[in-house]
Protein backbone atom coordinates (compact mmCIF):
# COMPACT_ATOMS: atom_id res chain seq x y z
CA MET A 1 2.54 -19.48 -31.66
CA VAL A 2 1.88 -21.81 -28.57
CA ALA A 3 5.63 -22.43 -28.03
CA ILE A 4 6.26 -18.56 -28.14
CA ALA A 5 3.42 -17.91 -25.77
CA LEU A 6 4.53 -20.66 -23.34
CA ALA A 7 8.20 -19.33 -23.42
CA LEU A 8 6.85 -15.97 -22.62
CA GLY A 9 4.50 -17.30 -19.87
CA LEU A 10 7.50 -19.34 -18.30
CA MET A 11 9.45 -16.28 -18.10
CA SER A 12 6.58 -14.65 -16.21
CA LYS A 13 5.87 -17.40 -13.84
CA PRO A 14 7.70 -20.72 -13.88
CA MET A 15 4.93 -22.76 -12.38
CA LEU A 16 3.50 -22.89 -15.88
CA VAL A 17 6.13 -25.82 -16.49
CA THR A 18 3.13 -28.12 -16.21
CA THR A 19 1.26 -26.70 -19.42
CA PRO A 20 2.04 -29.43 -21.71
CA PHE A 21 0.31 -31.91 -19.33
CA ILE A 22 -2.74 -29.57 -19.10
CA LEU A 23 -2.95 -29.64 -22.68
CA LEU A 24 -2.94 -33.40 -22.88
CA LEU A 25 -5.76 -33.15 -20.47
CA LEU A 26 -7.65 -30.93 -22.57
CA ASP A 27 -6.81 -33.31 -25.50
CA TYR A 28 -8.55 -35.93 -23.21
CA TRP A 29 -11.47 -33.66 -22.41
CA PRO A 30 -13.29 -31.67 -23.84
CA LEU A 31 -11.44 -32.22 -27.20
CA ALA A 32 -11.71 -35.90 -27.32
CA ARG A 33 -8.40 -36.43 -28.96
CA LEU A 34 -6.84 -38.83 -26.65
CA ARG A 35 -8.47 -42.09 -27.08
CA THR A 36 -6.06 -44.73 -28.66
CA PRO A 37 -2.27 -45.54 -28.17
CA ALA A 38 -1.58 -43.92 -31.67
CA GLN A 39 -3.25 -40.50 -30.73
CA VAL A 40 -1.44 -40.54 -27.39
CA ARG A 41 1.90 -40.91 -29.17
CA SER A 42 1.02 -38.48 -31.76
CA LEU A 43 -0.13 -36.02 -29.12
CA VAL A 44 3.06 -36.32 -26.96
CA ILE A 45 5.13 -35.87 -30.22
CA GLU A 46 3.31 -32.65 -30.92
CA LYS A 47 4.10 -31.28 -27.55
CA LEU A 48 7.88 -32.17 -27.45
CA PRO A 49 8.89 -28.70 -27.92
CA LEU A 50 6.66 -27.54 -25.12
CA PHE A 51 7.92 -30.48 -22.89
CA GLY A 52 11.69 -29.01 -23.84
CA LEU A 53 10.88 -25.37 -22.76
CA SER A 54 9.33 -26.64 -19.39
CA ALA A 55 12.43 -28.75 -18.98
CA LEU A 56 14.78 -25.62 -19.49
CA SER A 57 12.67 -23.40 -17.09
CA CYS A 58 12.85 -26.17 -14.47
CA VAL A 59 16.71 -25.98 -14.70
CA ALA A 60 16.80 -22.26 -14.77
CA THR A 61 14.45 -22.20 -11.71
CA ILE A 62 16.54 -24.48 -9.67
CA ILE A 63 19.90 -22.65 -10.43
CA ALA A 64 18.12 -19.33 -9.62
CA GLN A 65 16.46 -20.71 -6.37
CA LYS A 66 19.53 -22.50 -5.39
CA VAL A 67 20.10 -20.62 -2.11
CA ALA A 68 16.33 -21.05 -1.15
CA ILE A 69 16.42 -24.86 -1.98
CA GLU A 70 19.42 -25.33 0.07
CA LEU A 71 17.86 -23.50 2.90
CA MET A 72 15.27 -26.32 2.96
CA GLU A 73 17.55 -29.15 2.55
CA PRO A 74 17.37 -30.34 6.22
CA PHE A 75 13.71 -31.04 6.24
CA PRO A 76 13.39 -34.67 4.97
CA PHE A 77 11.45 -35.77 2.13
CA SER A 78 8.84 -37.53 4.41
CA LEU A 79 7.79 -34.21 6.20
CA ARG A 80 7.76 -32.45 2.94
CA LEU A 81 5.41 -35.27 1.47
CA GLY A 82 3.07 -35.05 4.27
CA ASN A 83 3.24 -31.27 4.11
CA ALA A 84 2.25 -31.46 0.57
CA LEU A 85 -0.66 -33.75 0.97
CA VAL A 86 -2.01 -31.52 3.80
CA ALA A 87 -1.39 -28.43 1.74
CA TYR A 88 -3.75 -29.99 -1.11
CA THR A 89 -6.61 -29.99 1.20
CA ILE A 90 -5.99 -26.73 2.75
CA TYR A 91 -6.02 -25.12 -0.67
CA LEU A 92 -9.52 -26.85 -1.34
CA GLY A 93 -10.84 -25.40 1.89
CA LYS A 94 -9.43 -21.99 1.06
CA MET A 95 -10.97 -21.99 -2.42
CA SER A 96 -14.50 -22.49 -1.00
CA TYR A 97 -13.99 -19.95 1.88
CA PRO A 98 -11.13 -17.70 1.34
CA ALA A 99 -10.72 -16.45 4.97
CA ASN A 100 -7.72 -16.27 7.33
CA LEU A 101 -5.39 -15.84 4.49
CA ALA A 102 -1.83 -15.37 5.61
CA ALA A 103 1.11 -13.70 3.95
CA MET A 104 3.52 -16.58 5.21
CA VAL A 105 3.06 -20.02 6.69
CA PRO A 106 6.34 -21.60 7.37
CA VAL A 107 7.08 -25.36 7.25
CA MET A 108 6.89 -26.89 10.97
CA ALA A 109 9.76 -28.34 11.96
CA ASN A 110 8.30 -31.42 13.20
CA GLY A 111 5.76 -31.46 10.25
CA TRP A 112 1.95 -31.99 10.76
CA PRO A 113 0.22 -34.02 13.34
CA ILE A 114 -0.01 -37.83 11.79
CA TRP A 115 -3.64 -37.58 11.95
CA LYS A 116 -3.94 -34.52 9.48
CA VAL A 117 -1.74 -36.19 7.21
CA ILE A 118 -3.75 -39.28 7.29
CA ALA A 119 -6.97 -37.28 6.77
CA ALA A 120 -5.61 -35.25 3.82
CA VAL A 121 -4.85 -38.68 2.24
CA LEU A 122 -8.40 -39.94 2.59
CA VAL A 123 -9.83 -36.84 1.40
CA LEU A 124 -7.58 -36.93 -1.67
CA LEU A 125 -8.35 -40.73 -2.28
CA VAL A 126 -11.84 -40.29 -2.10
CA LEU A 127 -12.11 -37.28 -4.56
CA THR A 128 -9.63 -38.97 -7.08
CA SER A 129 -11.73 -42.29 -6.99
CA ALA A 130 -14.93 -40.42 -7.40
CA ALA A 131 -13.51 -38.57 -10.45
CA PHE A 132 -11.97 -41.67 -11.82
CA ILE A 133 -15.18 -43.90 -11.45
CA GLN A 134 -17.25 -41.30 -13.17
CA ARG A 135 -14.62 -40.63 -16.14
CA ARG A 136 -16.72 -42.03 -18.67
CA THR A 137 -19.96 -40.10 -17.67
CA ARG A 138 -18.45 -37.09 -16.59
CA PRO A 139 -15.03 -37.00 -17.94
CA TYR A 140 -14.77 -33.09 -17.07
CA LEU A 141 -14.37 -34.32 -13.22
CA ILE A 142 -11.08 -36.19 -13.83
CA ALA A 143 -9.77 -33.69 -16.27
CA GLY A 144 -10.50 -30.74 -14.00
CA TRP A 145 -9.29 -32.64 -10.73
CA LEU A 146 -5.95 -33.81 -12.49
CA TRP A 147 -5.46 -30.10 -13.55
CA TYR A 148 -5.59 -29.18 -10.11
CA LEU A 149 -3.46 -31.87 -8.65
CA GLY A 150 -0.73 -31.56 -11.56
CA MET A 151 -0.37 -27.68 -11.78
CA LEU A 152 0.34 -27.61 -8.00
CA VAL A 153 3.15 -30.13 -8.21
CA PRO A 154 5.89 -27.40 -8.82
CA VAL A 155 4.88 -25.43 -5.89
CA ILE A 156 3.33 -28.11 -3.53
CA GLY A 157 6.74 -28.63 -1.67
CA LEU A 158 8.18 -31.97 -2.80
CA LEU A 159 10.90 -30.00 -3.90
CA GLN A 160 10.84 -27.20 -1.45
CA VAL A 161 11.80 -23.50 -2.43
CA GLY A 162 11.48 -21.18 0.40
CA GLU A 163 10.29 -21.79 3.87
CA GLN A 164 6.66 -21.70 3.17
CA ALA A 165 4.42 -24.84 4.05
CA TYR A 166 1.83 -23.54 1.64
CA ALA A 167 1.11 -20.09 -0.02
CA ASP A 168 -2.37 -18.86 -1.31
CA ARG A 169 -0.84 -17.07 -4.02
CA TYR A 170 0.00 -20.40 -5.57
CA THR A 171 -3.58 -21.60 -6.20
CA TYR A 172 -5.14 -19.49 -8.76
CA LEU A 173 -3.81 -21.06 -11.90
CA PRO A 174 -4.50 -24.82 -10.46
CA GLN A 175 -7.76 -23.93 -9.35
CA ILE A 176 -9.03 -23.34 -12.75
CA GLY A 177 -9.10 -26.98 -13.39
CA LEU A 178 -11.76 -27.11 -10.10
CA TYR A 179 -13.74 -24.43 -11.58
CA VAL A 180 -14.24 -26.13 -14.80
CA ALA A 181 -15.20 -29.35 -13.25
CA ILE A 182 -17.47 -27.81 -10.73
CA THR A 183 -19.12 -25.67 -13.37
CA TRP A 184 -20.00 -28.50 -15.90
CA LEU A 185 -21.05 -30.46 -12.82
CA VAL A 186 -23.48 -28.00 -11.85
CA ALA A 187 -24.66 -27.40 -15.36
CA ASP A 188 -25.19 -31.14 -15.58
CA TRP A 189 -27.33 -31.31 -12.30
CA ALA A 190 -29.13 -28.16 -13.35
CA ALA A 191 -30.18 -29.80 -16.55
CA LYS A 192 -31.27 -33.08 -14.68
CA TRP A 193 -33.43 -31.40 -11.97
CA ARG A 194 -34.54 -28.77 -14.41
CA CYS A 195 -33.52 -25.90 -11.88
CA ASN A 196 -34.82 -22.35 -12.37
CA PRO A 197 -32.02 -20.41 -13.98
CA ALA A 198 -33.12 -17.36 -11.89
CA LEU A 199 -32.63 -19.47 -8.88
CA LEU A 200 -29.04 -20.42 -9.89
CA ALA A 201 -28.23 -16.78 -10.65
CA GLY A 202 -29.48 -15.64 -7.18
CA VAL A 203 -27.36 -18.37 -5.36
CA ALA A 204 -24.56 -17.43 -7.52
CA SER A 205 -24.68 -13.73 -7.04
CA ILE A 206 -25.10 -14.28 -3.07
CA TYR A 207 -22.02 -16.36 -3.22
CA LEU A 208 -19.97 -13.67 -5.24
CA ALA A 209 -21.25 -10.99 -2.94
CA VAL A 210 -19.70 -12.95 0.18
CA LEU A 211 -16.45 -13.59 -1.78
CA THR A 212 -16.31 -9.95 -2.75
CA GLY A 213 -16.73 -8.93 0.93
CA LEU A 214 -14.16 -11.40 2.03
CA ALA A 215 -11.55 -9.95 -0.56
CA LEU A 216 -12.40 -6.46 0.50
CA ARG A 217 -11.75 -7.20 4.38
CA GLN A 218 -8.34 -9.06 3.28
CA THR A 219 -7.33 -5.87 1.68
CA THR A 220 -7.59 -4.03 5.01
CA TYR A 221 -4.75 -6.32 6.40
CA TRP A 222 -2.35 -5.06 3.91
CA ARG A 223 -2.26 -1.38 4.87
CA ASP A 224 1.01 -1.52 6.67
CA SER A 225 3.59 -4.42 7.80
CA ILE A 226 2.46 -4.33 11.41
CA THR A 227 -0.95 -4.86 10.69
CA LEU A 228 -0.13 -7.61 8.02
CA TRP A 229 2.07 -9.61 10.38
CA ASN A 230 -0.22 -9.18 13.50
CA HIS A 231 -3.02 -10.67 11.27
CA THR A 232 -0.61 -13.77 9.91
CA ILE A 233 0.14 -14.51 13.71
CA ALA A 234 -3.54 -14.32 14.77
CA CYS A 235 -4.58 -16.69 11.89
CA THR A 236 -1.73 -19.16 11.92
CA GLY A 237 -0.05 -21.16 14.90
CA ARG A 238 3.46 -21.13 15.95
CA ASN A 239 4.42 -18.79 13.04
CA TYR A 240 8.17 -17.88 13.69
CA VAL A 241 8.57 -16.10 10.57
CA ALA A 242 5.63 -13.85 11.30
CA HIS A 243 6.82 -12.89 14.60
CA ASN A 244 10.43 -12.33 13.10
CA ASN A 245 9.04 -10.09 10.44
CA LEU A 246 6.71 -8.24 12.72
CA GLY A 247 9.89 -7.73 14.89
CA THR A 248 11.57 -6.14 11.92
CA ALA A 249 8.49 -3.89 11.17
CA LEU A 250 8.53 -2.59 14.78
CA LEU A 251 12.33 -1.97 14.57
CA ARG A 252 11.55 0.61 11.71
CA GLN A 253 9.43 2.44 14.12
CA ASN A 254 12.26 2.56 16.70
CA ARG A 255 10.18 0.17 19.04
CA PHE A 256 13.53 -1.76 20.00
CA ASP A 257 12.07 -3.51 23.13
CA ASP A 258 8.79 -4.60 21.32
CA ALA A 259 10.91 -5.69 18.37
CA ALA A 260 13.22 -7.81 20.61
CA ALA A 261 10.18 -9.66 22.33
CA GLN A 262 9.11 -10.70 18.74
CA PHE A 263 12.74 -12.04 17.85
CA ALA A 264 12.83 -13.84 20.89
CA ILE A 265 9.33 -15.68 20.33
CA ALA A 266 10.56 -16.71 16.84
CA SER A 267 13.76 -18.01 18.25
CA GLN A 268 11.88 -19.74 20.97
CA ILE A 269 9.27 -21.31 18.52
CA ASN A 270 12.25 -22.39 16.04
CA PRO A 271 15.48 -22.42 17.86
CA ASP A 272 17.06 -23.09 14.42
CA TYR A 273 15.71 -20.00 12.60
CA PRO A 274 19.00 -18.10 11.99
CA LEU A 275 17.40 -14.73 11.27
CA ALA A 276 15.53 -14.53 14.62
CA HIS A 277 18.98 -15.11 16.66
CA SER A 278 20.86 -12.59 14.23
CA ASN A 279 18.19 -9.65 14.79
CA LEU A 280 18.18 -10.67 18.55
CA GLY A 281 22.07 -10.22 18.49
CA HIS A 282 21.71 -6.81 16.67
CA TYR A 283 19.17 -5.69 19.43
CA PHE A 284 21.48 -6.69 22.18
CA PHE A 285 24.63 -4.85 20.42
CA LEU A 286 22.55 -1.69 20.13
CA LYS A 287 21.71 -1.90 23.88
CA GLY A 288 25.30 -2.34 24.74
CA ARG A 289 24.84 -5.97 26.10
CA MET A 290 27.81 -7.46 24.22
CA ASP A 291 27.96 -11.00 25.76
CA ASP A 292 24.43 -11.75 24.95
CA ALA A 293 24.97 -10.33 21.26
CA ALA A 294 27.90 -12.65 20.89
CA ALA A 295 25.71 -15.59 22.13
CA GLN A 296 22.93 -14.97 19.57
CA PHE A 297 25.70 -14.55 16.78
CA ARG A 298 27.25 -17.90 17.89
CA GLU A 299 23.65 -19.60 17.48
CA VAL A 300 23.62 -18.17 14.14
CA LEU A 301 27.01 -19.98 13.45
CA ARG A 302 25.69 -23.10 14.98
CA ILE A 303 22.75 -23.16 12.43
CA GLU A 304 24.82 -21.83 9.42
CA PRO A 305 28.49 -22.59 10.02
CA GLY A 306 29.33 -21.71 6.60
CA ALA A 307 27.87 -18.21 6.75
CA PRO A 308 30.34 -15.23 6.63
CA THR A 309 27.94 -12.55 8.18
CA PRO A 310 27.91 -14.02 11.70
CA HIS A 311 31.45 -13.91 11.74
CA SER A 312 31.39 -10.02 10.83
CA ASN A 313 28.83 -9.55 13.56
CA LEU A 314 31.22 -11.27 16.18
CA ALA A 315 33.88 -9.05 15.15
CA ALA A 316 31.84 -5.93 15.61
CA VAL A 317 31.14 -7.23 19.35
CA PHE A 318 34.76 -8.10 19.70
CA PHE A 319 35.90 -4.67 18.49
CA ARG A 320 33.35 -2.71 20.71
CA GLN A 321 34.85 -4.90 23.84
CA GLY A 322 38.36 -3.89 22.72
CA ARG A 323 39.34 -7.63 21.85
CA LEU A 324 41.17 -6.55 18.84
CA ASP A 325 43.00 -9.82 18.12
CA ASP A 326 39.85 -11.67 18.29
CA ALA A 327 37.91 -9.20 15.97
CA ALA A 328 40.84 -9.36 13.58
CA ALA A 329 40.31 -13.16 13.58
CA GLU A 330 36.82 -13.13 12.98
CA PHE A 331 37.39 -10.61 10.05
CA ARG A 332 40.00 -13.00 8.51
CA GLU A 333 37.67 -15.99 8.86
CA VAL A 334 35.14 -13.89 6.63
CA LEU A 335 37.63 -13.28 4.20
CA ARG A 336 38.93 -16.76 4.06
CA MET A 337 35.07 -17.88 3.25
CA ASP A 338 34.63 -14.74 0.77
CA PRO A 339 37.92 -13.16 -0.44
CA SER A 340 35.92 -10.72 -2.58
CA ASP A 341 34.24 -8.95 0.71
CA ALA A 342 35.46 -5.48 0.48
CA GLU A 343 33.82 -4.39 3.67
CA ALA A 344 35.50 -7.22 5.63
CA GLU A 345 38.70 -6.15 4.26
CA ASN A 346 38.26 -2.54 5.11
CA ASP A 347 37.28 -3.33 8.77
CA LEU A 348 40.55 -5.47 9.19
CA GLY A 349 42.50 -2.53 8.20
CA ALA A 350 40.76 -0.30 10.51
CA ILE A 351 41.37 -2.84 13.40
CA LEU A 352 45.14 -3.43 12.15
CA ARG A 353 45.43 0.51 12.31
CA ARG A 354 44.17 0.64 15.84
CA GLN A 355 47.04 -2.02 16.70
CA GLY A 356 49.57 0.34 15.14
CA ARG A 357 50.06 -1.95 12.34
CA THR A 358 49.67 0.88 9.73
CA GLY A 359 51.55 -0.94 6.98
CA GLU A 360 49.28 -3.86 7.06
CA ALA A 361 46.24 -1.64 7.48
CA ALA A 362 47.29 0.24 4.23
CA ALA A 363 47.54 -2.92 2.17
CA CYS A 364 43.99 -3.97 3.50
CA PHE A 365 42.41 -0.61 2.63
CA GLN A 366 44.18 -0.65 -0.83
CA LYS A 367 42.89 -4.25 -1.40
CA ALA A 368 39.41 -3.22 -0.39
CA LEU A 369 39.41 -0.29 -2.85
CA ALA A 370 40.61 -2.70 -5.62
CA LEU A 371 37.85 -5.13 -4.67
CA ARG A 372 35.33 -2.38 -4.60
CA PRO A 373 36.57 0.86 -6.81
CA GLY A 374 35.10 3.84 -5.42
CA TYR A 375 34.63 2.62 -1.89
CA ALA A 376 33.99 5.79 -0.11
CA ASP A 377 34.96 4.22 3.41
CA ALA A 378 38.42 2.66 1.95
CA ILE A 379 39.24 5.98 0.39
CA TYR A 380 38.72 7.73 3.70
CA ASN A 381 40.60 5.40 5.69
CA ILE A 382 43.52 5.84 3.21
CA GLY A 383 43.40 9.59 3.95
CA ASP A 384 43.26 9.12 7.50
CA LEU A 385 46.69 7.17 7.22
CA LEU A 386 48.00 9.66 5.31
CA LEU A 387 47.02 12.67 7.70
CA ASP A 388 48.51 10.56 10.54
CA GLU A 389 51.95 10.32 8.35
CA GLY A 390 51.84 14.10 7.95
CA LYS A 391 51.03 13.92 4.28
CA THR A 392 48.59 16.52 4.62
CA GLN A 393 47.89 17.53 0.88
CA ALA A 394 47.61 13.89 -0.11
CA ALA A 395 45.25 13.06 2.82
CA ALA A 396 43.19 16.15 1.73
CA ALA A 397 42.71 14.75 -1.84
CA GLN A 398 41.75 11.56 -0.52
CA PHE A 399 39.11 13.04 1.84
CA ALA A 400 37.85 15.29 -1.06
CA GLU A 401 37.42 12.07 -3.33
CA ALA A 402 35.57 10.38 -0.58
CA LEU A 403 33.02 13.20 -0.09
CA LYS A 404 32.37 13.19 -4.03
CA ILE A 405 31.00 9.63 -3.59
CA ALA A 406 29.52 10.07 -0.16
CA PRO A 407 28.91 13.61 0.57
CA ASP A 408 27.15 12.84 3.94
CA GLN A 409 30.10 11.10 5.54
CA ALA A 410 30.75 13.48 8.68
CA TYR A 411 34.09 12.00 9.36
CA ALA A 412 35.50 12.88 5.88
CA HIS A 413 34.25 16.39 6.25
CA HIS A 414 35.81 16.73 9.75
CA ASP A 415 39.26 15.27 8.73
CA LEU A 416 39.28 17.38 5.31
CA GLY A 417 38.61 20.26 7.72
CA VAL A 418 41.58 19.28 9.90
CA ALA A 419 43.77 18.93 6.95
CA LEU A 420 42.80 22.30 5.55
CA LEU A 421 43.53 23.95 8.91
CA ARG A 422 47.21 22.25 8.85
CA MET A 423 47.56 23.71 5.24
CA GLY A 424 46.63 27.26 6.54
CA ARG A 425 43.21 27.37 4.70
CA THR A 426 41.13 28.20 8.01
CA GLN A 427 38.15 29.55 6.54
CA GLU A 428 37.63 26.40 4.05
CA ALA A 429 38.56 24.43 7.10
CA ILE A 430 35.78 26.10 9.33
CA ALA A 431 33.17 25.28 6.60
CA GLU A 432 33.94 21.58 6.18
CA ILE A 433 34.23 21.24 10.18
CA ARG A 434 30.58 22.97 10.19
CA GLU A 435 29.49 20.45 7.67
CA ALA A 436 30.58 17.66 9.91
CA VAL A 437 28.71 19.19 13.01
CA ALA A 438 25.56 19.55 10.92
CA LEU A 439 25.61 16.02 10.13
CA ASP A 440 26.36 14.80 13.57
CA PRO A 441 25.48 17.66 16.06
CA GLY A 442 26.34 15.27 19.04
CA ASN A 443 29.87 14.62 18.38
CA ALA A 444 31.90 16.27 20.71
CA THR A 445 35.18 15.82 18.69
CA PHE A 446 33.63 17.67 16.07
CA GLN A 447 32.42 20.63 18.18
CA ASN A 448 35.49 21.01 19.80
CA THR A 449 37.72 21.00 16.55
CA LEU A 450 35.31 23.64 15.36
CA ALA A 451 35.67 25.78 18.47
CA GLU A 452 39.66 25.51 18.10
CA ALA A 453 39.51 26.38 14.28
CA ILE A 454 37.28 29.49 15.22
CA LYS A 455 39.73 30.41 17.89
CA LEU A 456 42.62 30.13 15.37
CA GLU A 457 40.90 32.32 12.92
CA GLN A 458 40.23 34.94 15.57
CA ALA A 459 43.83 34.82 16.54
CA ASN A 460 45.09 35.27 13.20
CA THR A 461 42.58 38.30 12.57
CA SER A 462 43.40 41.86 13.33
CA PRO A 463 41.13 43.71 15.82
CA ALA A 464 39.99 45.90 12.75
CA GLN A 465 39.05 42.97 10.70
CA ARG A 466 37.10 41.61 13.52
CA GLU A 467 35.19 44.68 13.76
């Protein structure tokens, strides 16, 4: 039953991998089963199935978090060790007074100041020594302290998963050990000093009320993303992730210039943070500042030379600038890195078609459709080629198929209308073109085609029918 419960727990939260060690601590205290070498050997053998489950969970987690781990590989072990030592002490402070909690605190590129690391080492040495010295008279201290230290190991950052230097959400299980140690210590002191139970209850109630107030206050920061990330910036220093996320939240409110300012701050704090450069590049792209956009996307490539996305972004810039050969080269680079990228294949086809290389373009569209069956954009593009070749009926079938998959595709409605006009089905054509205009009212081509279709219908209608 214990093994089944641990397996279920590990599937819920992988940091439970330290549970077998916690059970050994409980064997030491309060169960007092861990005294002789024979007992140690027997108890370890007893827990071998649990250690096996933990090992499997570790392997599964490393595989699942491969990308997040690779993201942090540039940080040297010495930096991660220093960060882990400081994080242990930060968690102690936040446990005592949980204020200024932040959604995200990224690892600092240069690590913590050396004096903070030294101070953290001294604090940990003092507390560990005190617990060890009192292991015979107060064994709960060493058991609770090692529970805290040990259970944090998977998330303390020695094997860094993600960008966080520390995260408040990691501590609720490790802190159980500290709560146990503190509770038994207070109970011992109360018995020794013969404290009035009512006084202890009053102090505990006041402390709980303070914690409740802090918790209620913390919930107010989560009412929306802008509030959350502004609070995170306010209570952490040089938090490039928070600035970038605040910029993303501002983008959702169409506050583009405010968002760009946040992306710029993030990239200044950490020039090697690719998301900030990418987001800033998209902002410049929207503003029509193509050279600036290209510069930002090249910065992303400098940081992540093996990433295909910045090549796609550069291709979009070159396409907008009319540099079709350069755009095609970027898409080919994307496909070299990821031959299964249907969007890149489709976009390469669109460029080749613009260059008049219709045969190669058709091959790209067909390949994109093979990579992603039901890909509406590729189906539409095939229809567009057929329409140019005068294969009107086949083109109309492609547009209709695309609209079954993506009914809001304005250009497919328009071009289906054009095909229907050529087939003499004027009223159906007008209905499709009206749908295109409704989806994109500002499109002058759609408006012009609709006017011509209506004019054609009127020309083919007798005066009596018009009346």
